[in-house]
Structures are given as structure tokens and as C-alpha cells.
N, C-alpha and C. Protein backbone atom coordinates (compact mmCIF):
# COMPACT_ATOMS: atom_id res chain seq x y z
N UNK A 1 -3.95 10.89 15.74
CA UNK A 1 -5.13 9.62 16.84
C UNK A 1 -4.60 9.41 18.01
N UNK A 2 -5.80 9.38 18.78
CA UNK A 2 -5.49 9.41 19.93
C UNK A 2 -5.32 7.98 20.56
N UNK A 3 -4.34 7.47 21.44
CA UNK A 3 -4.01 6.17 22.27
C UNK A 3 -4.87 5.84 23.25
N UNK A 4 -5.65 5.01 23.86
CA UNK A 4 -6.01 4.64 25.06
C UNK A 4 -5.37 3.44 25.48
N UNK A 5 -5.31 3.21 26.83
CA UNK A 5 -4.61 2.34 27.33
C UNK A 5 -5.73 1.08 27.64
N UNK A 6 -5.36 -0.26 27.70
CA UNK A 6 -6.68 -0.98 27.56
C UNK A 6 -7.17 -1.05 28.77
N UNK A 7 -7.51 -0.97 30.02
CA UNK A 7 -8.37 -0.24 31.12
C UNK A 7 -9.17 0.63 30.59
N UNK A 8 -8.52 1.66 30.11
CA UNK A 8 -9.30 3.16 29.94
C UNK A 8 -10.27 2.66 29.16
N UNK A 9 -10.07 1.90 27.94
CA UNK A 9 -10.94 1.26 26.57
C UNK A 9 -11.97 0.64 27.20
N UNK A 10 -11.63 -0.30 28.56
CA UNK A 10 -12.70 -0.94 28.90
C UNK A 10 -13.56 -0.61 29.51
N UNK A 11 -13.04 0.68 30.60
CA UNK A 11 -14.16 1.50 31.58
C UNK A 11 -15.12 2.34 30.60
N UNK A 12 -14.35 3.07 29.61
CA UNK A 12 -15.13 3.91 28.87
C UNK A 12 -15.58 3.15 27.23
N UNK A 13 -16.02 2.02 26.70
CA UNK A 13 -16.20 1.64 25.99
C UNK A 13 -17.17 2.54 25.47
N UNK A 14 -18.66 2.48 25.70
CA UNK A 14 -19.70 3.24 24.96
C UNK A 14 -19.32 4.18 24.23
N UNK A 15 -18.72 5.11 25.43
CA UNK A 15 -18.41 6.36 24.84
C UNK A 15 -17.36 6.35 23.42
N UNK A 16 -16.19 5.49 23.87
CA UNK A 16 -15.81 5.20 23.10
C UNK A 16 -15.93 5.06 21.65
N UNK A 17 -16.76 4.02 21.40
CA UNK A 17 -17.49 3.76 20.42
C UNK A 17 -18.33 4.61 19.46
N UNK A 18 -18.89 5.84 20.80
CA UNK A 18 -19.88 6.40 20.01
C UNK A 18 -18.88 7.45 19.05
N UNK A 19 -17.87 7.97 19.82
CA UNK A 19 -16.79 8.75 18.99
C UNK A 19 -16.32 8.54 17.76
N UNK A 20 -16.03 7.17 17.63
CA UNK A 20 -15.86 6.20 16.37
C UNK A 20 -16.77 6.49 15.66
N UNK A 21 -17.76 5.93 15.91
CA UNK A 21 -18.74 6.40 14.84
C UNK A 21 -19.24 7.63 14.54
N UNK A 22 -18.66 8.90 15.29
CA UNK A 22 -18.56 10.30 14.61
C UNK A 22 -17.59 10.11 14.00
N UNK A 23 -16.50 9.33 13.39
CA UNK A 23 -14.91 9.97 13.26
C UNK A 23 -14.13 10.04 13.81
N UNK A 24 -13.69 9.51 14.74
CA UNK A 24 -13.21 9.84 15.94
C UNK A 24 -12.18 8.60 16.31
N UNK A 25 -11.35 7.63 14.86
CA UNK A 25 -10.57 6.62 15.52
C UNK A 25 -9.74 6.44 16.45
N UNK A 26 -9.09 5.68 17.40
CA UNK A 26 -7.94 5.75 18.47
C UNK A 26 -7.94 4.23 18.54
N UNK A 27 -7.00 4.16 18.68
CA UNK A 27 -5.43 3.39 18.95
C UNK A 27 -5.46 2.53 20.77
N UNK A 28 -5.58 1.51 20.59
CA UNK A 28 -5.59 0.58 21.86
C UNK A 28 -4.36 0.43 21.86
N UNK A 29 -3.63 0.39 23.26
CA UNK A 29 -2.52 0.21 23.84
C UNK A 29 -2.24 -0.38 25.13
N UNK A 30 -1.18 -1.38 25.22
CA UNK A 30 -1.07 -2.17 26.18
C UNK A 30 0.19 -1.86 26.87
N UNK A 31 0.71 -1.47 27.86
CA UNK A 31 1.90 -0.61 28.47
C UNK A 31 2.58 0.70 27.34
N UNK A 32 1.48 0.82 26.86
CA UNK A 32 2.12 1.97 25.99
C UNK A 32 2.50 1.83 24.72
N UNK A 33 2.53 0.05 24.22
CA UNK A 33 2.43 -0.59 23.00
C UNK A 33 0.95 -0.48 22.19
N UNK A 34 1.56 -0.02 21.09
CA UNK A 34 0.00 -0.12 20.39
C UNK A 34 -0.27 -1.56 19.71
N UNK A 35 -1.17 -1.55 20.15
CA UNK A 35 -1.83 -3.06 20.44
C UNK A 35 -2.85 -3.57 18.96
N UNK A 36 -3.77 -2.37 18.39
CA UNK A 36 -5.34 -2.13 18.31
C UNK A 36 -5.28 -1.20 17.52
N UNK A 37 -6.06 -1.21 16.08
CA UNK A 37 -6.72 0.53 16.17
C UNK A 37 -8.29 0.52 15.84
N UNK A 38 -9.18 1.07 16.10
CA UNK A 38 -10.54 1.22 16.33
C UNK A 38 -11.32 2.27 15.37
N UNK A 39 -11.58 1.58 13.93
CA UNK A 39 -12.12 2.38 13.28
C UNK A 39 -13.41 2.43 12.94
N UNK A 40 -14.36 3.44 12.63
CA UNK A 40 -15.96 2.88 11.68
C UNK A 40 -16.07 1.76 10.64
N UNK A 41 -16.57 1.11 10.76
CA UNK A 41 -16.84 -0.03 9.87
C UNK A 41 -17.08 0.88 8.35
N UNK A 42 -16.12 0.45 7.40
CA UNK A 42 -16.55 1.22 6.30
C UNK A 42 -15.44 1.73 5.90
N UNK A 43 -14.62 2.03 7.23
CA UNK A 43 -13.66 3.08 7.09
C UNK A 43 -12.31 2.02 7.03
N UNK A 44 -11.65 1.86 5.66
CA UNK A 44 -10.97 0.65 5.67
C UNK A 44 -9.62 1.25 5.42
N UNK A 45 -8.07 0.42 5.93
CA UNK A 45 -7.07 1.17 5.47
C UNK A 45 -6.45 0.45 4.14
N UNK A 46 -6.99 -0.22 3.47
CA UNK A 46 -6.83 -1.24 2.30
C UNK A 46 -6.97 -0.45 1.20
N UNK A 47 -6.07 -0.68 0.11
CA UNK A 47 -5.37 0.04 -0.94
C UNK A 47 -6.48 0.26 -1.63
N UNK A 48 -6.61 1.00 -2.54
CA UNK A 48 -7.78 1.42 -3.79
C UNK A 48 -7.63 0.16 -4.70
N UNK A 49 -8.69 -0.09 -5.18
CA UNK A 49 -8.36 -1.08 -6.42
C UNK A 49 -7.86 -0.12 -7.36
N UNK A 50 -6.66 -0.88 -8.32
CA UNK A 50 -6.39 -0.54 -9.21
C UNK A 50 -7.67 -0.56 -10.86
N UNK A 51 -6.71 0.71 -11.31
CA UNK A 51 -7.83 0.86 -12.07
C UNK A 51 -6.76 0.56 -13.47
N UNK A 52 -7.58 -0.36 -14.40
CA UNK A 52 -7.26 -0.66 -15.81
C UNK A 52 -7.04 -0.12 -16.25
N UNK A 53 -5.83 0.41 -17.28
CA UNK A 53 -6.21 1.10 -19.07
C UNK A 53 -6.30 2.97 -18.08
N UNK A 54 -6.73 3.37 -17.04
CA UNK A 54 -6.36 4.78 -16.38
C UNK A 54 -5.47 5.33 -16.77
N UNK A 55 -4.15 5.09 -17.83
CA UNK A 55 -2.99 5.92 -18.35
C UNK A 55 -3.17 5.36 -19.70
N UNK A 56 -4.38 5.01 -20.63
CA UNK A 56 -4.26 4.43 -22.23
C UNK A 56 -4.40 5.67 -22.84
N UNK A 57 -2.86 5.61 -23.85
CA UNK A 57 -2.65 6.60 -25.13
C UNK A 57 -1.87 7.71 -23.81
N UNK A 58 -1.18 7.85 -22.89
CA UNK A 58 -0.51 8.48 -22.33
C UNK A 58 1.13 8.33 -22.62
N UNK A 59 1.74 7.14 -23.08
CA UNK A 59 2.37 6.88 -23.18
C UNK A 59 2.55 6.62 -24.32
N UNK A 60 3.61 6.66 -25.33
CA UNK A 60 4.01 5.67 -26.50
C UNK A 60 5.29 4.99 -26.56
N UNK A 61 5.20 4.04 -27.64
CA UNK A 61 6.37 3.14 -28.11
C UNK A 61 7.23 3.78 -29.15
N UNK A 62 8.16 3.73 -28.90
CA UNK A 62 9.04 4.36 -30.38
C UNK A 62 8.84 3.22 -31.35
N UNK A 63 9.35 3.52 -32.55
CA UNK A 63 8.60 3.12 -33.55
C UNK A 63 9.69 1.89 -33.81
N UNK A 64 10.67 2.01 -33.31
CA UNK A 64 12.24 1.04 -33.41
C UNK A 64 12.06 0.17 -32.30
N UNK A 65 11.41 0.09 -31.06
CA UNK A 65 11.33 -0.98 -29.87
C UNK A 65 11.69 -1.83 -30.37
N UNK A 66 11.40 -2.57 -31.12
CA UNK A 66 11.45 -4.38 -31.51
C UNK A 66 12.88 -4.32 -31.29
N UNK A 67 13.68 -3.50 -32.09
CA UNK A 67 15.32 -3.55 -32.37
C UNK A 67 16.15 -2.76 -30.89
N UNK A 68 15.41 -1.97 -30.63
CA UNK A 68 15.90 -1.69 -29.43
C UNK A 68 16.06 -2.94 -28.40
N UNK A 69 14.26 -3.30 -28.11
CA UNK A 69 14.97 -4.85 -27.31
C UNK A 69 15.71 -6.00 -27.47
N UNK A 70 15.94 -6.32 -28.48
CA UNK A 70 16.70 -7.31 -29.28
C UNK A 70 18.07 -6.72 -28.77
N UNK A 71 18.54 -5.85 -29.06
CA UNK A 71 19.87 -4.86 -28.34
C UNK A 71 20.14 -5.23 -27.12
N UNK A 72 18.89 -4.57 -26.08
CA UNK A 72 18.95 -5.11 -24.90
C UNK A 72 19.60 -6.64 -24.22
N UNK A 73 18.12 -7.53 -24.97
CA UNK A 73 18.46 -8.77 -25.15
C UNK A 73 19.83 -9.24 -24.84
N UNK A 74 20.73 -8.76 -25.97
CA UNK A 74 21.71 -9.11 -26.35
C UNK A 74 22.42 -8.77 -25.18
N UNK A 75 22.92 -7.31 -25.11
CA UNK A 75 23.38 -6.83 -23.87
C UNK A 75 23.66 -7.74 -22.46
N UNK A 76 21.75 -7.97 -22.10
CA UNK A 76 21.84 -9.06 -20.96
C UNK A 76 22.23 -9.87 -20.86
N UNK A 77 22.76 -10.80 -22.01
CA UNK A 77 22.70 -11.94 -21.99
C UNK A 77 24.35 -11.97 -22.24
N UNK A 78 24.79 -11.27 -22.61
CA UNK A 78 26.36 -10.77 -22.43
C UNK A 78 27.10 -10.65 -20.82
N UNK A 79 25.99 -10.12 -20.18
CA UNK A 79 26.33 -9.56 -19.12
C UNK A 79 26.27 -11.00 -17.85
N UNK A 80 25.29 -11.80 -17.96
CA UNK A 80 25.22 -12.88 -17.66
C UNK A 80 26.25 -13.89 -18.31
N UNK A 81 26.63 -14.11 -19.08
CA UNK A 81 27.49 -15.34 -19.68
C UNK A 81 28.68 -14.45 -19.45
N UNK A 82 29.32 -13.40 -19.87
CA UNK A 82 30.56 -13.50 -19.69
C UNK A 82 31.02 -13.06 -20.61
N UNK A 83 30.51 -13.55 -21.96
CA UNK A 83 31.53 -13.19 -23.55
C UNK A 83 30.25 -13.00 -24.14
N UNK A 84 30.83 -12.86 -25.76
CA UNK A 84 29.55 -12.83 -26.48
C UNK A 84 28.83 -13.40 -26.65
N UNK A 85 27.55 -12.96 -26.92
CA UNK A 85 26.33 -13.98 -27.14
C UNK A 85 25.96 -14.57 -28.41
N UNK A 86 26.94 -14.02 -29.27
CA UNK A 86 26.60 -14.71 -30.90
C UNK A 86 26.45 -16.18 -30.57
């Protein structure tokens, strides 16, 4: 992506807007430091929406999950308390 200084952006704004509309975004810089990015409307950099449940069925829990969970809880409690947690 090309960088344009503020003075050049003001001078050539109409042409730059046409280029952005054609899919060529650019960065406006002040003293060589990027200050703003110009992109076409509708082309955002936001994260895509999360798709709930798209991995359903890809993973399963072991049959003894609750037993494993209780053992881990006990170990974690022992680590925090520094003694036998019973």
C-alpha cells in the first residue's frame, strides 16, 4: 500500500478518491509518519463475525471427564494453598 504525504493528498484528492474507489487504498502520512488509511466504503478491517457452533461434532470429551476435572481441581487447590486440600 502506498503512502502519500498530506500536501500531495490535498493537491490530488479527486484523483486519489477515484483510485480508492477502484480498489487501491493508500496511507496519508505527516512527516513520514502514517496518520490515516483511506479505504473504500464497505472494505473494513474489522474482524469477521464469530460463527457459533461451526466446530460442533469435531471434538468429544472423554467418558471420565468429570473425574479428570475433579482431580485437576484438587491439584490446582493444592498448588494455591500449598498443602493437601482434603
